[in-house]
Amino acid sequence: KRLPEWNDTRRRLSQHYRRLIARLCPSVTVPFADPWPSAHHLMAVLLPTALSRQAIIDGLRKRGVQTTIHYPPVHRLTFYKDLCPDAHLLRTEEFSRRELTLPLHPRMTPETVELVVNSLAAALGAELSIEATA
């Protein structure tokens, strides 16, 4: 009975994420168009190509932000790997290497979203500094 309320809360939080990411992390892409019908159960982002996803995950973890990874390349799942063993989906693999899922749940607040995005911006900045000196 709380699902409509939770979906609406996650929708608002997702919109807040999008605004903040666009402003503070312009190199990060938020896939899936905002007007797309969604339950907003995940907040997936695509990191810039040149960066190490693991370094960003580690930087976020140091700031107390837990992340996950969704969307593995479907052709590498056992069923499809057995069905199409020679499949090479370069775009799918590229997406999978760069995807990171940020926290999103109905008990989050806009302030928590701000903390996550500020932490993401800091982790990106730290990683970009390392890339520039390498």
Protein backbone atom coordinates (compact mmCIF):
# COMPACT_ATOMS: atom_id res chain seq x y z
CA LYS A 1 0.00 0.00 0.00
CA ARG A 2 3.02 2.33 0.32
CA LEU A 3 4.38 1.59 -3.15
CA PRO A 4 2.89 4.66 -4.91
CA GLU A 5 4.29 6.94 -2.20
CA TRP A 6 7.72 5.26 -2.34
CA ASN A 7 7.80 5.44 -6.14
CA ASP A 8 7.00 9.15 -5.96
CA THR A 9 9.70 9.73 -3.34
CA ARG A 10 12.28 7.90 -5.45
CA ARG A 11 11.15 9.86 -8.53
CA ARG A 12 11.76 13.17 -6.72
CA LEU A 13 15.11 11.96 -5.39
CA SER A 14 16.09 10.83 -8.91
CA GLN A 15 15.26 14.27 -10.27
CA HIS A 16 17.36 15.84 -7.51
CA TYR A 17 20.23 13.49 -8.39
CA ARG A 18 19.97 14.49 -12.07
CA ARG A 19 20.09 18.21 -11.32
CA LEU A 20 23.05 17.90 -8.96
CA ILE A 21 25.01 15.53 -11.19
CA ALA A 22 24.53 17.83 -14.17
CA ARG A 23 25.87 20.75 -12.12
CA LEU A 24 28.60 19.12 -10.01
CA CYS A 25 29.65 16.10 -12.09
CA PRO A 26 29.16 17.09 -15.75
CA SER A 27 31.42 14.26 -16.96
CA VAL A 28 28.99 11.71 -15.50
CA THR A 29 26.06 10.62 -17.64
CA VAL A 30 22.69 9.63 -16.24
CA PRO A 31 21.29 7.09 -18.72
CA PHE A 32 17.63 6.60 -19.35
CA ALA A 33 15.61 9.72 -20.06
CA ASP A 34 13.89 11.31 -17.08
CA PRO A 35 10.37 11.30 -18.62
CA TRP A 36 10.69 7.56 -19.23
CA PRO A 37 8.04 5.72 -17.16
CA SER A 38 9.92 4.26 -14.22
CA ALA A 39 9.59 3.08 -10.64
CA HIS A 40 12.99 4.75 -10.07
CA HIS A 41 14.26 1.71 -8.22
CA LEU A 42 17.89 2.30 -9.30
CA MET A 43 20.10 5.36 -9.77
CA ALA A 44 22.53 4.14 -12.38
CA VAL A 45 25.18 6.49 -13.78
CA LEU A 46 27.88 6.15 -16.42
CA LEU A 47 31.33 7.26 -15.38
CA PRO A 48 33.75 8.93 -17.81
CA THR A 49 35.64 6.45 -19.99
CA ALA A 50 39.15 7.33 -18.84
CA LEU A 51 38.53 6.81 -15.14
CA SER A 52 38.84 3.70 -12.99
CA ARG A 53 35.42 2.69 -11.70
CA GLN A 54 37.07 0.88 -8.80
CA ALA A 55 38.93 4.05 -7.78
CA ILE A 56 35.61 5.95 -7.76
CA ILE A 57 33.96 3.18 -5.73
CA ASP A 58 36.85 3.28 -3.25
CA GLY A 59 36.68 7.08 -3.04
CA LEU A 60 32.95 6.96 -2.35
CA ARG A 61 33.40 4.20 0.23
CA LYS A 62 35.97 6.35 2.08
CA ARG A 63 33.26 9.02 2.30
CA GLY A 64 30.70 6.53 3.64
CA VAL A 65 28.79 6.02 0.38
CA GLN A 66 27.98 2.45 -0.62
CA THR A 67 27.54 1.71 -4.32
CA THR A 68 26.69 -1.33 -6.41
CA ILE A 69 27.07 -2.40 -10.00
CA HIS A 70 24.11 -3.48 -12.11
CA TYR A 71 23.70 -4.36 -15.75
CA PRO A 72 26.41 -6.95 -16.46
CA PRO A 73 26.85 -7.66 -20.18
CA VAL A 74 23.91 -9.91 -20.93
CA HIS A 75 25.87 -11.98 -23.44
CA ARG A 76 28.22 -13.04 -20.63
CA LEU A 77 25.43 -14.54 -18.53
CA THR A 78 25.47 -18.34 -18.65
CA PHE A 79 22.26 -18.75 -20.66
CA TYR A 80 23.32 -16.36 -23.43
CA LYS A 81 26.97 -17.37 -23.30
CA ASP A 82 25.90 -20.96 -24.01
CA LEU A 83 23.38 -19.85 -26.63
CA CYS A 84 25.70 -17.41 -28.44
CA PRO A 85 29.28 -18.24 -27.41
CA ASP A 86 30.88 -16.01 -30.06
CA ALA A 87 28.85 -12.88 -29.27
CA HIS A 88 30.88 -9.71 -28.84
CA LEU A 89 28.79 -6.68 -27.91
CA LEU A 90 31.27 -3.84 -27.64
CA ARG A 91 28.78 -1.13 -26.62
CA THR A 92 27.26 -3.40 -23.99
CA GLU A 93 30.70 -4.18 -22.59
CA GLU A 94 31.66 -0.48 -22.56
CA PHE A 95 28.44 0.42 -20.74
CA SER A 96 29.03 -2.34 -18.22
CA ARG A 97 32.60 -1.18 -17.50
CA ARG A 98 31.41 2.36 -16.76
CA GLU A 99 28.09 1.76 -14.95
CA LEU A 100 27.83 2.53 -11.25
CA THR A 101 24.65 2.45 -9.18
CA LEU A 102 24.28 5.13 -6.51
CA PRO A 103 22.12 4.74 -3.40
CA LEU A 104 18.41 5.33 -3.90
CA HIS A 105 15.63 4.31 -1.55
CA PRO A 106 12.46 5.95 -0.22
CA ARG A 107 13.93 6.72 3.20
CA MET A 108 16.67 8.89 1.71
CA THR A 109 16.41 12.66 1.98
CA PRO A 110 17.44 15.35 -0.50
CA GLU A 111 20.33 16.11 1.87
CA THR A 112 21.55 12.53 1.55
CA VAL A 113 21.44 12.82 -2.24
CA GLU A 114 23.53 16.00 -1.92
CA LEU A 115 26.05 14.14 0.26
CA VAL A 116 26.30 11.34 -2.32
CA VAL A 117 26.76 13.72 -5.27
CA ASN A 118 29.28 15.87 -3.39
CA SER A 119 31.18 12.68 -2.54
CA LEU A 120 31.02 11.58 -6.18
CA ALA A 121 32.36 14.97 -7.29
CA ALA A 122 35.22 14.67 -4.79
CA ALA A 123 36.05 11.12 -5.90
CA LEU A 124 35.98 12.18 -9.55
CA GLY A 125 38.21 15.15 -8.79
CA ALA A 126 40.71 12.97 -6.98
CA GLU A 127 40.75 10.43 -9.81
CA LEU A 128 41.05 13.15 -12.49
CA SER A 129 44.05 14.58 -10.60
CA ILE A 130 45.72 11.17 -10.66
CA GLU A 131 44.97 10.78 -14.38
CA ALA A 132 46.43 14.23 -15.13
CA THR A 133 49.71 13.42 -13.36
CA ALA A 134 50.03 9.95 -14.89
